[in-house]
C-alpha cells in the first residue's frame, strides 16, 4: 500500500477521533456520563487503529 494512502487513512481516522472526542465532551456536559465514557473509549480505539496506518 502506498505511503500516500496510509497517510490519508491515518489523517481521516485522527479527524474522526477528534469529532468523537468533541461529542464525548458534549455528552458529559449534558450529564450523560455513561455515553461520554463510551465515546471516550471509542476515541481510544480509533487512535489505536490510526497508529496501525501510520
PDB file of N, CA and C in Angstrom:
ATOM      1  N   UNK A   1       0.855  -1.176   0.000  1.00  0.00           N
ATOM      2  CA  UNK A   1       0.000   0.000   0.000  1.00  0.00           C
ATOM      3  C   UNK A   1       0.902   1.241   0.000  1.00  0.00           C
ATOM      4  N   UNK A   2       0.495   2.220  -0.756  1.00  0.00           N
ATOM      5  CA  UNK A   2       1.340   3.401  -0.892  1.00  0.00           C
ATOM      6  C   UNK A   2       1.346   4.231   0.395  1.00  0.00           C
ATOM      7  N   UNK A   3       2.418   4.933   0.562  1.00  0.00           N
ATOM      8  CA  UNK A   3       2.577   5.802   1.735  1.00  0.00           C
ATOM      9  C   UNK A   3       1.512   6.894   1.753  1.00  0.00           C
ATOM     10  N   UNK A   4       1.142   7.373   0.578  1.00  0.00           N
ATOM     11  CA  UNK A   4       0.116   8.419   0.480  1.00  0.00           C
ATOM     12  C   UNK A   4      -1.224   7.919   1.004  1.00  0.00           C
ATOM     13  N   UNK A   5      -1.597   6.711   0.612  1.00  0.00           N
ATOM     14  CA  UNK A   5      -2.868   6.138   1.072  1.00  0.00           C
ATOM     15  C   UNK A   5      -2.829   5.928   2.577  1.00  0.00           C
ATOM     16  N   UNK A   6      -1.723   5.412   3.074  1.00  0.00           N
ATOM     17  CA  UNK A   6      -1.597   5.178   4.515  1.00  0.00           C
ATOM     18  C   UNK A   6      -1.755   6.488   5.290  1.00  0.00           C
ATOM     19  N   UNK A   7      -1.133   7.556   4.786  1.00  0.00           N
ATOM     20  CA  UNK A   7      -1.237   8.847   5.463  1.00  0.00           C
ATOM     21  C   UNK A   7      -2.664   9.373   5.406  1.00  0.00           C
ATOM     22  N   UNK A   8      -3.330   9.204   4.266  1.00  0.00           N
ATOM     23  CA  UNK A   8      -4.714   9.665   4.143  1.00  0.00           C
ATOM     24  C   UNK A   8      -5.627   8.937   5.125  1.00  0.00           C
ATOM     25  N   UNK A   9      -5.458   7.631   5.236  1.00  0.00           N
ATOM     26  CA  UNK A   9      -6.280   6.854   6.173  1.00  0.00           C
ATOM     27  C   UNK A   9      -5.990   7.302   7.600  1.00  0.00           C
ATOM     28  N   UNK A  10      -4.709   7.458   7.923  1.00  0.00           N
ATOM     29  CA  UNK A  10      -4.332   7.921   9.261  1.00  0.00           C
ATOM     30  C   UNK A  10      -4.970   9.276   9.564  1.00  0.00           C
ATOM     31  N   UNK A  11      -4.858  10.203   8.636  1.00  0.00           N
ATOM     32  CA  UNK A  11      -5.413  11.547   8.841  1.00  0.00           C
ATOM     33  C   UNK A  11      -6.926  11.508   9.031  1.00  0.00           C
ATOM     34  N   UNK A  12      -7.601  10.691   8.233  1.00  0.00           N
ATOM     35  CA  UNK A  12      -9.058  10.592   8.356  1.00  0.00           C
ATOM     36  C   UNK A  12      -9.464   9.977   9.692  1.00  0.00           C
ATOM     37  N   UNK A  13      -8.731   8.965  10.127  1.00  0.00           N
ATOM     38  CA  UNK A  13      -9.042   8.356  11.424  1.00  0.00           C
ATOM     39  C   UNK A  13      -8.817   9.347  12.566  1.00  0.00           C
ATOM     40  N   UNK A  14      -7.752  10.124  12.476  1.00  0.00           N
ATOM     41  CA  UNK A  14      -7.488  11.100  13.529  1.00  0.00           C
ATOM     42  C   UNK A  14      -8.543  12.207  13.523  1.00  0.00           C
ATOM     43  N   UNK A  15      -9.020  12.578  12.344  1.00  0.00           N
ATOM     44  CA  UNK A  15     -10.098  13.569  12.253  1.00  0.00           C
ATOM     45  C   UNK A  15     -11.369  13.014  12.899  1.00  0.00           C
ATOM     46  N   UNK A  16     -11.662  11.762  12.618  1.00  0.00           N
ATOM     47  CA  UNK A  16     -12.821  11.112  13.225  1.00  0.00           C
ATOM     48  C   UNK A  16     -12.676  11.062  14.742  1.00  0.00           C
ATOM     49  N   UNK A  17     -11.495  10.725  15.225  1.00  0.00           N
ATOM     50  CA  UNK A  17     -11.256  10.685  16.668  1.00  0.00           C
ATOM     51  C   UNK A  17     -11.516  12.052  17.290  1.00  0.00           C
ATOM     52  N   UNK A  18     -11.114  13.098  16.611  1.00  0.00           N
ATOM     53  CA  UNK A  18     -11.355  14.449  17.115  1.00  0.00           C
ATOM     54  C   UNK A  18     -12.831  14.776  17.211  1.00  0.00           C
ATOM     55  N   UNK A  19     -13.591  14.367  16.192  1.00  0.00           N
ATOM     56  CA  UNK A  19     -15.041  14.622  16.216  1.00  0.00           C
ATOM     57  C   UNK A  19     -15.721  13.836  17.335  1.00  0.00           C
ATOM     58  N   UNK A  20     -15.318  12.592  17.514  1.00  0.00           N
ATOM     59  CA  UNK A  20     -15.912  11.774  18.576  1.00  0.00           C
ATOM     60  C   UNK A  20     -15.527  12.333  19.943  1.00  0.00           C
ATOM     61  N   UNK A  21     -14.306  12.825  20.070  1.00  0.00           N
ATOM     62  CA  UNK A  21     -13.867  13.417  21.334  1.00  0.00           C
ATOM     63  C   UNK A  21     -14.701  14.649  21.675  1.00  0.00           C
ATOM     64  N   UNK A  22     -14.992  15.462  20.681  1.00  0.00           N
ATOM     65  CA  UNK A  22     -15.856  16.629  20.913  1.00  0.00           C
ATOM     66  C   UNK A  22     -17.246  16.190  21.356  1.00  0.00           C
ATOM     67  N   UNK A  23     -17.762  15.162  20.715  1.00  0.00           N
ATOM     68  CA  UNK A  23     -19.089  14.660  21.086  1.00  0.00           C
ATOM     69  C   UNK A  23     -19.065  14.098  22.498  1.00  0.00           C
ATOM     70  N   UNK A  24     -17.983  13.457  22.878  1.00  0.00           N
ATOM     71  CA  UNK A  24     -17.848  12.940  24.237  1.00  0.00           C
ATOM     72  C   UNK A  24     -17.939  14.074  25.251  1.00  0.00           C
ATOM     73  N   UNK A  25     -17.295  15.182  24.949  1.00  0.00           N
ATOM     74  CA  UNK A  25     -17.354  16.344  25.841  1.00  0.00           C
ATOM     75  C   UNK A  25     -18.769  16.909  25.902  1.00  0.00           C
ATOM     76  N   UNK A  26     -19.451  16.936  24.759  1.00  0.00           N
ATOM     77  CA  UNK A  26     -20.840  17.413  24.744  1.00  0.00           C
ATOM     78  C   UNK A  26     -21.728  16.520  25.603  1.00  0.00           C
ATOM     79  N   UNK A  27     -21.545  15.223  25.479  1.00  0.00           N
ATOM     80  CA  UNK A  27     -22.346  14.284  26.268  1.00  0.00           C
ATOM     81  C   UNK A  27     -22.095  14.473  27.761  1.00  0.00           C
ATOM     82  N   UNK A  28     -20.846  14.695  28.126  1.00  0.00           N
ATOM     83  CA  UNK A  28     -20.524  14.934  29.537  1.00  0.00           C
ATOM     84  C   UNK A  28     -21.210  16.202  30.026  1.00  0.00           C
ATOM     85  N   UNK A  29     -21.203  17.234  29.197  1.00  0.00           N
ATOM     86  CA  UNK A  29     -21.848  18.497  29.573  1.00  0.00           C
ATOM     87  C   UNK A  29     -23.358  18.332  29.716  1.00  0.00           C
ATOM     88  N   UNK A  30     -23.921  17.380  28.973  1.00  0.00           N
ATOM     89  CA  UNK A  30     -25.357  17.110  29.051  1.00  0.00           C
ATOM     90  C   UNK A  30     -25.700  16.185  30.216  1.00  0.00           C
ATOM     91  N   UNK A  31     -24.677  15.755  30.953  1.00  0.00           N
ATOM     92  CA  UNK A  31     -24.903  14.868  32.089  1.00  0.00           C
ATOM     93  C   UNK A  31     -25.029  13.403  31.705  1.00  0.00           C
ATOM     94  N   UNK A  32     -24.661  13.074  30.499  1.00  0.00           N
ATOM     95  CA  UNK A  32     -24.748  11.691  30.019  1.00  0.00           C
ATOM     96  C   UNK A  32     -23.374  11.031  30.167  1.00  0.00           C
ATOM     97  N   UNK A  33     -22.999  10.789  31.414  1.00  0.00           N
ATOM     98  CA  UNK A  33     -21.655  10.305  31.721  1.00  0.00           C
ATOM     99  C   UNK A  33     -21.339   8.952  31.085  1.00  0.00           C
ATOM    100  N   UNK A  34     -22.277   8.016  31.135  1.00  0.00           N
ATOM    101  CA  UNK A  34     -22.016   6.693  30.561  1.00  0.00           C
ATOM    102  C   UNK A  34     -21.776   6.781  29.054  1.00  0.00           C
ATOM    103  N   UNK A  35     -22.593   7.565  28.368  1.00  0.00           N
ATOM    104  CA  UNK A  35     -22.400   7.742  26.928  1.00  0.00           C
ATOM    105  C   UNK A  35     -21.078   8.446  26.644  1.00  0.00           C
ATOM    106  N   UNK A  36     -20.731   9.398  27.486  1.00  0.00           N
ATOM    107  CA  UNK A  36     -19.468  10.107  27.329  1.00  0.00           C
ATOM    108  C   UNK A  36     -18.288   9.149  27.491  1.00  0.00           C
ATOM    109  N   UNK A  37     -18.386   8.251  28.456  1.00  0.00           N
ATOM    110  CA  UNK A  37     -17.316   7.263  28.674  1.00  0.00           C
ATOM    111  C   UNK A  37     -17.196   6.319  27.486  1.00  0.00           C
ATOM    112  N   UNK A  38     -18.326   5.917  26.934  1.00  0.00           N
ATOM    113  CA  UNK A  38     -18.298   5.043  25.753  1.00  0.00           C
ATOM    114  C   UNK A  38     -17.640   5.765  24.575  1.00  0.00           C
ATOM    115  N   UNK A  39     -17.986   7.017  24.394  1.00  0.00           N
ATOM    116  CA  UNK A  39     -17.395   7.793  23.303  1.00  0.00           C
ATOM    117  C   UNK A  39     -15.891   7.959  23.517  1.00  0.00           C
ATOM    118  N   UNK A  40     -15.484   8.180  24.759  1.00  0.00           N
ATOM    119  CA  UNK A  40     -14.055   8.319  25.060  1.00  0.00           C
ATOM    120  C   UNK A  40     -13.317   7.016  24.758  1.00  0.00           C
ATOM    121  N   UNK A  41     -13.948   5.884  25.056  1.00  0.00           N
ATOM    122  CA  UNK A  41     -13.334   4.590  24.738  1.00  0.00           C
ATOM    123  C   UNK A  41     -13.209   4.417  23.226  1.00  0.00           C
ATOM    124  N   UNK A  42     -14.211   4.877  22.501  1.00  0.00           N
ATOM    125  CA  UNK A  42     -14.169   4.804  21.044  1.00  0.00           C
ATOM    126  C   UNK A  42     -13.034   5.665  20.497  1.00  0.00           C
ATOM    127  N   UNK A  43     -12.816   6.822  21.088  1.00  0.00           N
ATOM    128  CA  UNK A  43     -11.698   7.682  20.674  1.00  0.00           C
ATOM    129  C   UNK A  43     -10.389   6.915  20.817  1.00  0.00           C
ATOM    130  N   UNK A  44     -10.230   6.243  21.944  1.00  0.00           N
ATOM    131  CA  UNK A  44      -9.008   5.472  22.188  1.00  0.00           C
ATOM    132  C   UNK A  44      -8.842   4.401  21.110  1.00  0.00           C
ATOM    133  N   UNK A  45      -9.928   3.672  20.801  1.00  0.00           N
ATOM    134  CA  UNK A  45      -9.857   2.610  19.793  1.00  0.00           C
ATOM    135  C   UNK A  45      -9.508   3.173  18.417  1.00  0.00           C
ATOM    136  N   UNK A  46     -10.113   4.287  18.064  1.00  0.00           N
ATOM    137  CA  UNK A  46      -9.828   4.897  16.760  1.00  0.00           C
ATOM    138  C   UNK A  46      -8.360   5.295  16.678  1.00  0.00           C
ATOM    139  N   UNK A  47      -7.831   5.846  17.762  1.00  0.00           N
ATOM    140  CA  UNK A  47      -6.418   6.253  17.757  1.00  0.00           C
ATOM    141  C   UNK A  47      -5.495   5.045  17.640  1.00  0.00           C
ATOM    142  N   UNK A  48      -5.871   3.937  18.271  1.00  0.00           N
ATOM    143  CA  UNK A  48      -5.080   2.707  18.138  1.00  0.00           C
ATOM    144  C   UNK A  48      -5.096   2.245  16.683  1.00  0.00           C
ATOM    145  N   UNK A  49      -6.284   2.249  16.068  1.00  0.00           N
ATOM    146  CA  UNK A  49      -6.381   1.862  14.659  1.00  0.00           C
ATOM    147  C   UNK A  49      -5.559   2.797  13.789  1.00  0.00           C
ATOM    148  N   UNK A  50      -5.608   4.075  14.086  1.00  0.00           N
ATOM    149  CA  UNK A  50      -4.857   5.052  13.296  1.00  0.00           C
ATOM    150  C   UNK A  50      -3.364   4.754  13.351  1.00  0.00           C
ATOM    151  N   UNK A  51      -2.886   4.367  14.513  1.00  0.00           N
ATOM    152  CA  UNK A  51      -1.457   4.063  14.653  1.00  0.00           C
ATOM    153  C   UNK A  51      -1.050   2.896  13.761  1.00  0.00           C
ATOM    154  N   UNK A  52      -1.976   1.971  13.513  1.00  0.00           N
ATOM    155  CA  UNK A  52      -1.693   0.846  12.623  1.00  0.00           C
ATOM    156  C   UNK A  52      -1.470   1.315  11.185  1.00  0.00           C
ATOM    157  N   UNK A  53      -2.023   2.460  10.841  1.00  0.00           N
ATOM    158  CA  UNK A  53      -1.898   3.004   9.490  1.00  0.00           C
ATOM    159  C   UNK A  53      -0.746   3.990   9.359  1.00  0.00           C
ATOM    160  N   UNK A  54      -0.145   4.340  10.451  1.00  0.00           N
ATOM    161  CA  UNK A  54       0.913   5.349  10.447  1.00  0.00           C
ATOM    162  C   UNK A  54       2.150   4.825   9.745  1.00  0.00           C
TER     163      UNK A  54
END
